[in-house]
Amino acid sequence: MIQITGPATFWLTALLFFLAVFGRYVLFSLAFWWLFRVSMKDQFAHRAVQMRPRKAGQDWREIGWSLLTSLIFTAIAMAVIMAYQAGYTRIYTDFRTYPIWWYPISVAVVLFFHETYYYWLHRWMHRPGVYRWVHKTHHDSITTSAWTSFSFHPLESTLQAIVIPALTFVIPLHISAVGLILLIMTVSSAINHLNTEIYPRDFNQHWLGRWLIGATHHSLHHTQFRFNYGLYFTFWDKWMKTESPDFHRLFAEKTSSAPDKKT
């Protein structure tokens, strides 16, 4: 963990974190865009979820909001670093501090709490009195892409960003586990907003796949609004009966081997 010893170190660390956060977003968004829109366009063309055409300038608008999101994520990360140096968090750097079996369990526990927090936050953000002030910016992207993954109003960015840092105060986490969780968050968000289903046929019925959110699942949230509130996993949507009744049909159509099949 970086030690901040003065203003110069603080601002250098903040710059490095911002470049890491925003750079990670740009890297994965570009990679998914190139892979499924350029390199493998013909193979995956029939898997794109048919929605409204993307608006002119939508990519740049989403990148602009994502830039603000990255600044907010950086500010909160700096607060966690300062708290760590003061001894307030439970982040550790020596693998011998806890048994090795705790490492995967700690990651799973954080992902579960993050999923739970986000699901109920997401439903709250869809309340009429809240939606226009907090969540509408993200839903302006009706037809999503990987660039949409960080496109939030600053209020939503802040609400989304506080949960994992808060958990570092109560759950022992190796510093690399924190990095792994943030990487999972970025990759999952890019996949979910890709608007092209990348998972294989019948994966929605697989023992693992049935619990994972992908592009088809999340695209239905952007078009139907009342369903599919999850972040990484589908279990809250299944338990609360908020999974779209159209999901399995649409997933089957998008992963059909027939490239000319339409929805």
Protein backbone atom coordinates (compact mmCIF):
# COMPACT_ATOMS: atom_id res chain seq x y z
CA MET A 1 0.00 0.00 0.00
CA ILE A 2 1.33 3.45 -0.93
CA GLN A 3 2.41 5.60 2.01
CA ILE A 4 1.32 9.24 1.74
CA THR A 5 3.81 11.49 3.49
CA GLY A 6 2.88 14.94 2.22
CA PRO A 7 0.88 16.98 -0.32
CA ALA A 8 3.13 16.01 -3.23
CA THR A 9 2.74 12.29 -2.50
CA PHE A 10 -1.00 12.75 -2.00
CA TRP A 11 -1.60 14.39 -5.36
CA LEU A 12 0.74 12.02 -7.19
CA THR A 13 -1.09 9.06 -5.68
CA ALA A 14 -4.45 10.59 -6.59
CA LEU A 15 -3.28 11.09 -10.19
CA LEU A 16 -2.07 7.50 -10.41
CA PHE A 17 -5.36 6.18 -9.02
CA PHE A 18 -7.37 8.30 -11.43
CA LEU A 19 -5.31 7.04 -14.37
CA ALA A 20 -5.80 3.48 -13.13
CA VAL A 21 -9.58 3.85 -12.70
CA PHE A 22 -10.32 5.79 -15.87
CA GLY A 23 -7.66 3.93 -17.84
CA ARG A 24 -9.16 0.58 -16.79
CA TYR A 25 -12.58 1.74 -17.97
CA VAL A 26 -11.20 2.92 -21.33
CA LEU A 27 -9.09 -0.21 -21.79
CA PHE A 28 -11.92 -2.67 -21.21
CA SER A 29 -14.47 -0.61 -23.14
CA LEU A 30 -12.15 -0.40 -26.13
CA ALA A 31 -11.27 -4.08 -25.89
CA PHE A 32 -14.90 -5.21 -25.84
CA TRP A 33 -15.85 -2.74 -28.58
CA TRP A 34 -13.04 -3.96 -30.85
CA LEU A 35 -13.58 -7.65 -30.11
CA PHE A 36 -17.33 -7.79 -30.69
CA ARG A 37 -17.86 -4.86 -33.08
CA VAL A 38 -14.77 -5.22 -35.27
CA SER A 39 -12.82 -8.46 -34.89
CA MET A 40 -15.78 -10.83 -34.36
CA LYS A 41 -18.54 -8.67 -35.81
CA ASP A 42 -19.85 -11.30 -38.24
CA GLN A 43 -19.94 -14.08 -35.65
CA PHE A 44 -21.79 -12.00 -33.06
CA ALA A 45 -23.93 -9.72 -35.25
CA HIS A 46 -27.07 -11.82 -34.66
CA ARG A 47 -26.53 -11.65 -30.88
CA ALA A 48 -26.98 -7.90 -30.59
CA VAL A 49 -30.10 -6.93 -28.66
CA GLN A 50 -32.30 -4.94 -31.02
CA MET A 51 -33.23 -1.63 -29.40
CA ARG A 52 -33.30 1.99 -30.52
CA PRO A 53 -30.26 3.16 -32.47
CA ARG A 54 -27.62 4.84 -30.34
CA LYS A 55 -27.90 8.62 -30.36
CA ALA A 56 -25.41 10.83 -32.16
CA GLY A 57 -22.56 11.66 -29.81
CA GLN A 58 -23.72 9.12 -27.23
CA ASP A 59 -20.26 7.54 -26.87
CA TRP A 60 -18.67 10.88 -25.99
CA ARG A 61 -21.47 11.81 -23.61
CA GLU A 62 -21.01 8.50 -21.79
CA ILE A 63 -17.24 8.98 -21.67
CA GLY A 64 -17.77 12.43 -20.16
CA TRP A 65 -19.99 11.10 -17.37
CA SER A 66 -17.53 8.23 -16.87
CA LEU A 67 -14.73 10.75 -16.43
CA LEU A 68 -16.67 12.34 -13.56
CA THR A 69 -17.40 8.89 -12.14
CA SER A 70 -13.69 8.08 -12.21
CA LEU A 71 -12.87 11.30 -10.35
CA ILE A 72 -15.41 10.39 -7.64
CA PHE A 73 -14.05 6.84 -7.39
CA THR A 74 -10.56 8.30 -7.06
CA ALA A 75 -11.59 10.69 -4.26
CA ILE A 76 -13.17 7.84 -2.29
CA ALA A 77 -10.13 5.62 -2.90
CA MET A 78 -7.88 8.35 -1.49
CA ALA A 79 -10.07 8.55 1.61
CA VAL A 80 -9.67 4.79 2.08
CA ILE A 81 -5.89 5.05 1.72
CA MET A 82 -5.77 7.76 4.38
CA ALA A 83 -7.99 5.66 6.65
CA TYR A 84 -5.73 2.64 6.08
CA GLN A 85 -2.66 4.63 7.06
CA ALA A 86 -4.44 5.75 10.22
CA GLY A 87 -5.21 2.11 11.04
CA TYR A 88 -8.98 2.29 10.62
CA THR A 89 -9.52 -0.24 7.82
CA ARG A 90 -9.05 -4.01 7.90
CA ILE A 91 -7.01 -4.15 4.70
CA TYR A 92 -3.86 -6.25 5.12
CA THR A 93 -0.79 -6.81 2.94
CA ASP A 94 0.76 -9.96 4.42
CA PHE A 95 -0.88 -13.17 3.16
CA ARG A 96 0.10 -14.86 6.43
CA THR A 97 -2.19 -12.58 8.42
CA TYR A 98 -5.19 -14.82 7.70
CA PRO A 99 -5.51 -18.45 6.50
CA ILE A 100 -5.31 -18.77 2.74
CA TRP A 101 -8.88 -20.15 2.59
CA TRP A 102 -10.11 -16.78 3.84
CA TYR A 103 -8.98 -15.06 0.62
CA PRO A 104 -11.67 -16.50 -1.75
CA ILE A 105 -14.28 -16.39 1.01
CA SER A 106 -13.59 -12.70 1.66
CA VAL A 107 -14.00 -11.92 -2.05
CA ALA A 108 -17.28 -13.88 -2.18
CA VAL A 109 -18.60 -12.15 0.96
CA VAL A 110 -17.87 -8.69 -0.45
CA LEU A 111 -19.47 -9.55 -3.79
CA PHE A 112 -22.58 -10.82 -1.97
CA PHE A 113 -22.91 -7.66 0.13
CA HIS A 114 -22.19 -5.47 -2.89
CA GLU A 115 -24.87 -7.29 -4.90
CA THR A 116 -27.37 -6.94 -2.06
CA TYR A 117 -26.64 -3.26 -1.53
CA TYR A 118 -26.82 -2.50 -5.24
CA TYR A 119 -30.05 -4.41 -5.87
CA TRP A 120 -31.97 -2.50 -3.23
CA LEU A 121 -30.27 0.80 -4.08
CA HIS A 122 -31.20 0.23 -7.71
CA ARG A 123 -34.84 -0.36 -6.88
CA TRP A 124 -34.85 2.77 -4.72
CA MET A 125 -33.32 4.79 -7.58
CA HIS A 126 -36.29 3.84 -9.73
CA ARG A 127 -38.75 5.47 -7.37
CA PRO A 128 -40.44 8.39 -9.21
CA GLY A 129 -39.19 11.05 -6.80
CA VAL A 130 -35.61 9.79 -6.99
CA TYR A 131 -35.19 8.60 -10.56
CA ARG A 132 -34.92 11.94 -12.36
CA TRP A 133 -32.32 13.29 -9.93
CA VAL A 134 -30.11 10.24 -9.56
CA HIS A 135 -30.60 7.47 -12.12
CA LYS A 136 -31.97 9.11 -15.27
CA THR A 137 -28.49 9.94 -16.58
CA HIS A 138 -27.64 6.26 -16.81
CA HIS A 139 -30.97 5.39 -18.43
CA ASP A 140 -30.53 8.06 -21.08
CA SER A 141 -28.46 5.27 -22.65
CA ILE A 142 -31.38 3.11 -23.72
CA THR A 143 -29.19 1.28 -26.21
CA THR A 144 -26.06 0.53 -24.23
CA SER A 145 -22.47 -0.28 -25.07
CA ALA A 146 -19.35 -0.98 -23.03
CA TRP A 147 -18.93 2.83 -22.81
CA THR A 148 -22.15 2.98 -20.75
CA SER A 149 -20.65 0.96 -17.90
CA PHE A 150 -19.42 4.01 -15.89
CA SER A 151 -21.89 6.56 -17.24
CA PHE A 152 -23.64 7.80 -14.08
CA HIS A 153 -24.78 11.04 -12.54
CA PRO A 154 -22.33 12.09 -9.79
CA LEU A 155 -24.94 11.37 -7.10
CA GLU A 156 -25.34 7.81 -8.36
CA SER A 157 -21.58 7.40 -8.72
CA THR A 158 -21.13 8.37 -5.08
CA LEU A 159 -23.87 6.03 -3.87
CA GLN A 160 -22.38 3.19 -5.88
CA ALA A 161 -18.81 3.91 -4.81
CA ILE A 162 -19.23 3.94 -1.03
CA VAL A 163 -20.17 0.32 -0.37
CA ILE A 164 -16.88 -1.49 -1.10
CA PRO A 165 -14.80 1.09 0.79
CA ALA A 166 -17.24 0.82 3.71
CA LEU A 167 -16.79 -2.96 3.75
CA THR A 168 -13.01 -2.58 4.13
CA PHE A 169 -13.67 -1.20 7.61
CA VAL A 170 -15.41 -4.39 8.78
CA ILE A 171 -14.20 -7.27 6.55
CA PRO A 172 -10.51 -8.29 6.50
CA LEU A 173 -9.35 -8.02 2.88
CA HIS A 174 -5.93 -8.54 1.37
CA ILE A 175 -4.95 -5.56 -0.76
CA SER A 176 -4.89 -7.78 -3.87
CA ALA A 177 -8.43 -8.99 -3.07
CA VAL A 178 -9.59 -5.37 -3.19
CA GLY A 179 -7.98 -5.03 -6.61
CA LEU A 180 -9.56 -8.30 -7.79
CA ILE A 181 -13.03 -7.16 -6.67
CA LEU A 182 -12.66 -3.86 -8.52
CA LEU A 183 -11.48 -5.73 -11.63
CA ILE A 184 -14.51 -8.06 -11.46
CA MET A 185 -16.75 -4.99 -11.11
CA THR A 186 -15.26 -3.33 -14.21
CA VAL A 187 -15.31 -6.44 -16.42
CA SER A 188 -18.83 -7.40 -15.33
CA SER A 189 -20.16 -3.92 -15.98
CA ALA A 190 -18.62 -3.82 -19.45
CA ILE A 191 -20.06 -7.24 -20.34
CA ASN A 192 -23.51 -6.36 -18.99
CA HIS A 193 -23.70 -3.14 -21.02
CA LEU A 194 -22.18 -4.59 -24.19
CA ASN A 195 -25.61 -5.06 -25.85
CA THR A 196 -24.18 -8.18 -27.50
CA GLU A 197 -24.66 -11.51 -25.77
CA ILE A 198 -21.28 -13.21 -25.40
CA TYR A 199 -22.30 -16.21 -23.30
CA PRO A 200 -22.90 -19.54 -25.07
CA ARG A 201 -26.21 -21.16 -25.89
CA ASP A 202 -28.12 -22.53 -22.87
CA PHE A 203 -25.73 -20.79 -20.48
CA ASN A 204 -28.78 -19.25 -18.79
CA GLN A 205 -29.74 -22.80 -17.75
CA HIS A 206 -26.24 -23.83 -16.65
CA TRP A 207 -25.66 -24.36 -12.91
CA LEU A 208 -23.34 -21.32 -12.91
CA GLY A 209 -24.70 -19.32 -15.82
CA ARG A 210 -28.21 -19.12 -14.42
CA TRP A 211 -26.84 -16.93 -11.61
CA LEU A 212 -24.70 -14.59 -13.74
CA ILE A 213 -25.92 -11.40 -15.40
CA GLY A 214 -24.96 -10.75 -19.01
CA ALA A 215 -25.83 -8.37 -21.82
CA THR A 216 -29.27 -9.82 -22.60
CA HIS A 217 -30.31 -9.76 -18.96
CA HIS A 218 -29.23 -6.17 -18.34
CA SER A 219 -30.40 -4.79 -21.69
CA LEU A 220 -33.93 -5.72 -20.67
CA HIS A 221 -33.57 -3.47 -17.64
CA HIS A 222 -32.69 -0.54 -19.90
CA THR A 223 -35.78 -1.12 -22.06
CA GLN A 224 -38.33 -2.40 -19.53
CA PHE A 225 -37.19 -0.50 -16.39
CA ARG A 226 -39.27 -2.68 -14.02
CA PHE A 227 -37.11 -5.80 -14.16
CA ASN A 228 -33.55 -7.08 -13.78
CA TYR A 229 -32.09 -4.82 -11.10
CA GLY A 230 -29.05 -6.98 -10.27
CA LEU A 231 -25.39 -6.08 -10.66
CA TYR A 232 -23.36 -9.30 -10.92
CA PHE A 233 -25.87 -12.02 -10.08
CA THR A 234 -29.51 -12.88 -10.68
CA PHE A 235 -30.39 -14.30 -7.26
CA TRP A 236 -32.10 -11.19 -5.85
CA ASP A 237 -34.14 -10.79 -9.03
CA LYS A 238 -35.16 -14.44 -8.78
CA TRP A 239 -35.95 -14.27 -5.06
CA MET A 240 -37.92 -11.03 -5.39
CA LYS A 241 -39.54 -12.08 -8.69
CA THR A 242 -38.20 -9.07 -10.57
CA GLU A 243 -36.51 -11.01 -13.35
CA SER A 244 -38.00 -10.17 -16.75
CA PRO A 245 -40.36 -12.85 -18.09
CA ASP A 246 -38.80 -12.20 -21.51
CA PHE A 247 -35.24 -13.02 -20.48
CA HIS A 248 -34.99 -16.74 -21.24
CA ARG A 249 -36.82 -16.41 -24.55
CA LEU A 250 -34.62 -13.52 -25.66
CA PHE A 251 -31.44 -15.25 -24.49
CA ALA A 252 -32.36 -18.34 -26.51
CA GLU A 253 -32.99 -16.23 -29.60
CA LYS A 254 -29.75 -14.30 -29.23
CA THR A 255 -27.64 -17.43 -28.78
CA SER A 256 -29.36 -19.37 -31.57
CA SER A 257 -27.01 -20.67 -34.24
CA ALA A 258 -29.18 -19.04 -36.92
CA PRO A 259 -27.50 -15.69 -37.73
CA ASP A 260 -30.54 -14.27 -39.51
CA LYS A 261 -32.98 -14.79 -36.64
CA LYS A 262 -34.69 -11.55 -35.58
CA THR A 263 -36.36 -10.46 -32.36
